[in-house]
């Protein structure tokens, strides 16, 4: 006799728009390392921007529709990347709710 667990499963949340803003030490392999958490989850960023300012690299990675349950996982992975000093996560709907 098999038991169905479909009723026990939490409903999937709708995808969310998110931007990750990073400050990191400028190094040749940095951009590849910060893209890795997305690639291993089969996520393709919609926009990526980077700018070097002296020894600091500023990076923005944006997705228009990312699975909501994976946002905190990717943010955590980004914080563990060698050279990353700060990760800020921005969600446009959260900004609108405050305004």
N, C-alpha and C. Protein backbone atom coordinates (compact mmCIF):
# COMPACT_ATOMS: atom_id res chain seq x y z
N UNK A 1 0.85 -1.18 0.00
CA UNK A 1 0.00 0.00 0.00
C UNK A 1 0.89 1.24 0.00
N UNK A 2 0.66 2.14 -0.93
CA UNK A 2 1.45 3.36 -1.00
C UNK A 2 0.68 4.52 -0.40
N UNK A 3 1.44 5.43 0.17
CA UNK A 3 0.83 6.61 0.80
C UNK A 3 1.22 7.82 -0.03
N UNK A 4 0.23 8.63 -0.38
CA UNK A 4 0.49 9.84 -1.15
C UNK A 4 0.84 10.98 -0.20
N UNK A 5 1.95 11.64 -0.48
CA UNK A 5 2.37 12.77 0.35
C UNK A 5 2.10 14.10 -0.33
N UNK A 6 1.35 14.11 -1.41
CA UNK A 6 1.12 15.36 -2.13
C UNK A 6 0.38 16.39 -1.29
N UNK A 7 -0.48 15.94 -0.41
CA UNK A 7 -1.21 16.88 0.45
C UNK A 7 -0.29 17.48 1.51
N UNK A 8 0.79 16.74 1.88
CA UNK A 8 1.72 17.21 2.89
C UNK A 8 2.74 18.20 2.34
N UNK A 9 2.94 18.18 1.04
CA UNK A 9 3.96 19.04 0.43
C UNK A 9 3.52 20.49 0.49
N UNK A 10 4.48 21.36 0.82
CA UNK A 10 4.18 22.79 0.87
C UNK A 10 3.98 23.30 -0.56
N UNK A 11 3.01 24.18 -0.76
CA UNK A 11 2.80 24.71 -2.11
C UNK A 11 4.00 25.55 -2.55
N UNK A 12 4.35 25.43 -3.81
CA UNK A 12 5.48 26.21 -4.35
C UNK A 12 5.11 27.68 -4.37
N UNK A 13 6.05 28.51 -3.91
CA UNK A 13 5.82 29.95 -3.94
C UNK A 13 6.12 30.46 -5.34
N UNK A 14 5.46 31.54 -5.75
CA UNK A 14 5.74 32.09 -7.09
C UNK A 14 7.15 32.64 -7.17
N UNK A 15 7.72 32.66 -8.37
CA UNK A 15 9.07 33.22 -8.53
C UNK A 15 9.11 34.69 -8.16
N UNK A 16 10.28 35.14 -7.75
CA UNK A 16 10.45 36.54 -7.34
C UNK A 16 11.57 37.18 -8.14
N UNK A 17 11.49 38.49 -8.29
CA UNK A 17 12.59 39.26 -8.89
C UNK A 17 13.56 39.59 -7.77
N UNK A 18 14.84 39.44 -8.05
CA UNK A 18 15.85 39.69 -7.02
C UNK A 18 17.13 40.22 -7.66
N UNK A 19 17.80 41.11 -6.91
CA UNK A 19 19.12 41.62 -7.32
C UNK A 19 20.09 41.37 -6.17
N UNK A 20 21.24 40.81 -6.51
CA UNK A 20 22.30 40.61 -5.54
C UNK A 20 23.38 41.64 -5.83
N UNK A 21 23.73 42.44 -4.83
CA UNK A 21 24.78 43.45 -4.95
C UNK A 21 25.93 42.97 -4.08
N UNK A 22 27.13 42.86 -4.69
CA UNK A 22 28.28 42.34 -3.99
C UNK A 22 29.44 43.33 -4.02
N UNK A 23 30.19 43.37 -2.94
CA UNK A 23 31.48 44.05 -2.89
C UNK A 23 32.49 42.96 -2.57
N UNK A 24 33.56 42.92 -3.36
CA UNK A 24 34.53 41.85 -3.20
C UNK A 24 35.93 42.34 -3.56
N UNK A 25 36.92 41.55 -3.17
CA UNK A 25 38.29 41.83 -3.56
C UNK A 25 38.42 41.55 -5.06
N UNK A 26 39.02 42.48 -5.79
CA UNK A 26 39.21 42.28 -7.23
C UNK A 26 40.23 41.17 -7.44
N UNK A 27 39.82 40.15 -8.18
CA UNK A 27 40.73 39.05 -8.51
C UNK A 27 40.29 38.44 -9.83
N UNK A 28 41.21 37.80 -10.56
CA UNK A 28 40.88 37.27 -11.89
C UNK A 28 39.73 36.25 -11.90
N UNK A 29 39.58 35.43 -10.86
CA UNK A 29 38.55 34.39 -10.88
C UNK A 29 37.26 34.77 -10.19
N UNK A 30 37.13 36.01 -9.73
CA UNK A 30 35.96 36.40 -8.95
C UNK A 30 34.65 36.21 -9.69
N UNK A 31 34.54 36.72 -10.91
CA UNK A 31 33.26 36.66 -11.62
C UNK A 31 32.82 35.22 -11.86
N UNK A 32 33.74 34.34 -12.18
CA UNK A 32 33.40 32.94 -12.37
C UNK A 32 32.89 32.34 -11.05
N UNK A 33 33.54 32.69 -9.94
CA UNK A 33 33.13 32.14 -8.64
C UNK A 33 31.75 32.62 -8.22
N UNK A 34 31.41 33.90 -8.49
CA UNK A 34 30.09 34.39 -8.06
C UNK A 34 28.97 33.89 -8.97
N UNK A 35 29.28 33.47 -10.18
CA UNK A 35 28.25 32.91 -11.06
C UNK A 35 27.99 31.43 -10.79
N UNK A 36 28.91 30.77 -10.13
CA UNK A 36 28.79 29.33 -9.89
C UNK A 36 27.51 28.94 -9.13
N UNK A 37 27.10 29.64 -8.05
CA UNK A 37 25.86 29.25 -7.36
C UNK A 37 24.62 29.29 -8.26
N UNK A 38 24.62 30.16 -9.25
CA UNK A 38 23.50 30.22 -10.19
C UNK A 38 23.58 29.06 -11.18
N UNK A 39 24.76 28.81 -11.72
CA UNK A 39 24.94 27.77 -12.73
C UNK A 39 24.59 26.40 -12.18
N UNK A 40 24.99 26.11 -10.96
CA UNK A 40 24.72 24.77 -10.43
C UNK A 40 23.24 24.56 -10.11
N UNK A 41 22.46 25.63 -10.06
CA UNK A 41 21.01 25.52 -9.89
C UNK A 41 20.26 25.71 -11.21
N UNK A 42 21.01 25.76 -12.30
CA UNK A 42 20.45 25.93 -13.64
C UNK A 42 19.68 27.24 -13.77
N UNK A 43 20.21 28.31 -13.14
CA UNK A 43 19.62 29.65 -13.20
C UNK A 43 20.51 30.53 -14.07
N UNK A 44 19.89 31.25 -14.99
CA UNK A 44 20.63 32.17 -15.85
C UNK A 44 20.25 33.59 -15.47
N UNK A 45 21.20 34.38 -14.96
CA UNK A 45 20.88 35.77 -14.62
C UNK A 45 20.40 36.55 -15.84
N UNK A 46 19.47 37.47 -15.62
CA UNK A 46 18.97 38.33 -16.69
C UNK A 46 19.92 39.50 -16.93
N UNK A 47 20.64 39.87 -15.88
CA UNK A 47 21.57 41.00 -16.01
C UNK A 47 22.72 40.80 -15.04
N UNK A 48 23.91 41.13 -15.52
CA UNK A 48 25.08 41.13 -14.65
C UNK A 48 25.91 42.35 -14.99
N UNK A 49 26.36 43.03 -13.97
CA UNK A 49 27.16 44.23 -14.15
C UNK A 49 28.29 44.17 -13.15
N UNK A 50 29.47 44.58 -13.57
CA UNK A 50 30.59 44.64 -12.63
C UNK A 50 31.43 45.87 -12.94
N UNK A 51 32.06 46.38 -11.90
CA UNK A 51 32.89 47.56 -12.02
C UNK A 51 34.01 47.45 -11.00
N UNK A 52 35.21 47.69 -11.45
CA UNK A 52 36.36 47.67 -10.54
C UNK A 52 36.68 49.09 -10.09
N UNK A 53 36.87 49.24 -8.80
CA UNK A 53 37.26 50.51 -8.21
C UNK A 53 38.45 50.24 -7.31
N UNK A 54 39.65 50.43 -7.85
CA UNK A 54 40.86 50.12 -7.10
C UNK A 54 40.96 48.62 -6.85
N UNK A 55 41.04 48.24 -5.59
CA UNK A 55 41.14 46.83 -5.23
C UNK A 55 39.78 46.20 -4.93
N UNK A 56 38.70 46.94 -5.17
CA UNK A 56 37.35 46.44 -4.91
C UNK A 56 36.59 46.25 -6.21
N UNK A 57 35.87 45.14 -6.29
CA UNK A 57 34.99 44.87 -7.42
C UNK A 57 33.56 44.95 -6.92
N UNK A 58 32.74 45.75 -7.61
CA UNK A 58 31.32 45.87 -7.32
C UNK A 58 30.59 45.05 -8.38
N UNK A 59 29.73 44.15 -7.95
CA UNK A 59 29.03 43.25 -8.87
C UNK A 59 27.54 43.27 -8.58
N UNK A 60 26.73 43.33 -9.63
CA UNK A 60 25.28 43.21 -9.51
C UNK A 60 24.85 42.05 -10.39
N UNK A 61 24.06 41.16 -9.82
CA UNK A 61 23.49 40.03 -10.57
C UNK A 61 21.99 40.07 -10.33
N UNK A 62 21.20 40.15 -11.42
CA UNK A 62 19.75 40.29 -11.29
C UNK A 62 19.03 39.17 -12.04
N UNK A 63 17.95 38.70 -11.42
CA UNK A 63 17.07 37.72 -12.04
C UNK A 63 15.64 38.24 -11.95
N UNK A 64 14.92 38.18 -13.04
CA UNK A 64 13.53 38.66 -13.07
C UNK A 64 12.58 37.67 -12.43
N UNK A 65 12.90 36.38 -12.49
CA UNK A 65 12.03 35.35 -11.93
C UNK A 65 12.87 34.21 -11.38
N UNK A 66 13.16 34.29 -10.08
CA UNK A 66 13.96 33.26 -9.41
C UNK A 66 13.07 32.52 -8.43
N UNK A 67 13.21 31.19 -8.34
CA UNK A 67 12.40 30.46 -7.35
C UNK A 67 12.63 31.05 -5.95
N UNK A 68 11.55 31.45 -5.30
CA UNK A 68 11.64 32.13 -4.01
C UNK A 68 12.38 31.30 -2.97
N UNK A 69 12.20 29.99 -3.00
CA UNK A 69 12.83 29.13 -2.00
C UNK A 69 14.35 29.00 -2.19
N UNK A 70 14.88 29.48 -3.32
CA UNK A 70 16.32 29.38 -3.56
C UNK A 70 17.07 30.68 -3.31
N UNK A 71 16.37 31.78 -3.08
CA UNK A 71 17.02 33.08 -2.91
C UNK A 71 17.98 33.06 -1.73
N UNK A 72 17.53 32.58 -0.58
CA UNK A 72 18.40 32.58 0.61
C UNK A 72 19.56 31.60 0.44
N UNK A 73 19.36 30.52 -0.32
CA UNK A 73 20.45 29.57 -0.56
C UNK A 73 21.55 30.19 -1.40
N UNK A 74 21.16 30.88 -2.48
CA UNK A 74 22.14 31.54 -3.34
C UNK A 74 22.84 32.66 -2.57
N UNK A 75 22.09 33.44 -1.81
CA UNK A 75 22.71 34.51 -1.01
C UNK A 75 23.75 33.94 -0.05
N UNK A 76 23.44 32.84 0.59
CA UNK A 76 24.39 32.19 1.49
C UNK A 76 25.63 31.70 0.76
N UNK A 77 25.43 31.11 -0.43
CA UNK A 77 26.57 30.66 -1.24
C UNK A 77 27.44 31.83 -1.65
N UNK A 78 26.83 32.95 -2.02
CA UNK A 78 27.60 34.12 -2.43
C UNK A 78 28.44 34.66 -1.28
N UNK A 79 27.90 34.62 -0.06
CA UNK A 79 28.65 35.09 1.11
C UNK A 79 29.86 34.21 1.40
N UNK A 80 29.84 32.97 0.93
CA UNK A 80 30.95 32.04 1.17
C UNK A 80 32.03 32.09 0.09
N UNK A 81 31.78 32.82 -0.99
CA UNK A 81 32.76 32.90 -2.07
C UNK A 81 34.01 33.63 -1.57
N UNK A 82 35.16 33.06 -1.87
CA UNK A 82 36.43 33.65 -1.46
C UNK A 82 36.55 35.07 -2.05
N UNK A 83 36.82 36.03 -1.18
CA UNK A 83 37.00 37.41 -1.61
C UNK A 83 35.77 38.28 -1.46
N UNK A 84 34.59 37.68 -1.32
CA UNK A 84 33.36 38.48 -1.18
C UNK A 84 33.30 39.05 0.23
N UNK A 85 33.13 40.36 0.31
CA UNK A 85 33.08 41.04 1.60
C UNK A 85 31.65 41.33 2.05
N UNK A 86 30.77 41.62 1.09
CA UNK A 86 29.40 41.99 1.46
C UNK A 86 28.44 41.57 0.35
N UNK A 87 27.28 41.06 0.76
CA UNK A 87 26.22 40.70 -0.18
C UNK A 87 24.95 41.37 0.29
N UNK A 88 24.32 42.13 -0.60
CA UNK A 88 23.04 42.77 -0.31
C UNK A 88 22.03 42.20 -1.29
N UNK A 89 20.90 41.80 -0.76
CA UNK A 89 19.82 41.22 -1.58
C UNK A 89 18.69 42.24 -1.67
N UNK A 90 18.30 42.58 -2.88
CA UNK A 90 17.22 43.54 -3.09
C UNK A 90 16.07 42.88 -3.85
N UNK A 91 14.87 43.07 -3.34
CA UNK A 91 13.68 42.56 -4.01
C UNK A 91 12.77 43.75 -4.30
N UNK A 92 12.48 44.03 -5.56
CA UNK A 92 11.68 45.21 -5.90
C UNK A 92 10.32 45.27 -5.20
N UNK A 93 9.65 44.13 -5.01
CA UNK A 93 8.33 44.16 -4.36
C UNK A 93 8.44 44.58 -2.91
N UNK A 94 9.55 44.28 -2.24
CA UNK A 94 9.76 44.71 -0.87
C UNK A 94 9.96 46.23 -0.80
N UNK A 95 10.62 46.79 -1.79
CA UNK A 95 10.84 48.24 -1.84
C UNK A 95 9.51 48.95 -2.04
N UNK A 96 8.67 48.43 -2.94
CA UNK A 96 7.37 49.05 -3.20
C UNK A 96 6.48 48.99 -1.97
N UNK A 97 6.56 47.90 -1.20
CA UNK A 97 5.71 47.76 -0.04
C UNK A 97 6.06 48.80 1.02
N UNK A 98 7.32 49.19 1.10
CA UNK A 98 7.76 50.18 2.09
C UNK A 98 7.41 51.59 1.64
N UNK A 99 7.50 51.83 0.34
CA UNK A 99 7.27 53.20 -0.19
C UNK A 99 5.83 53.64 -0.07
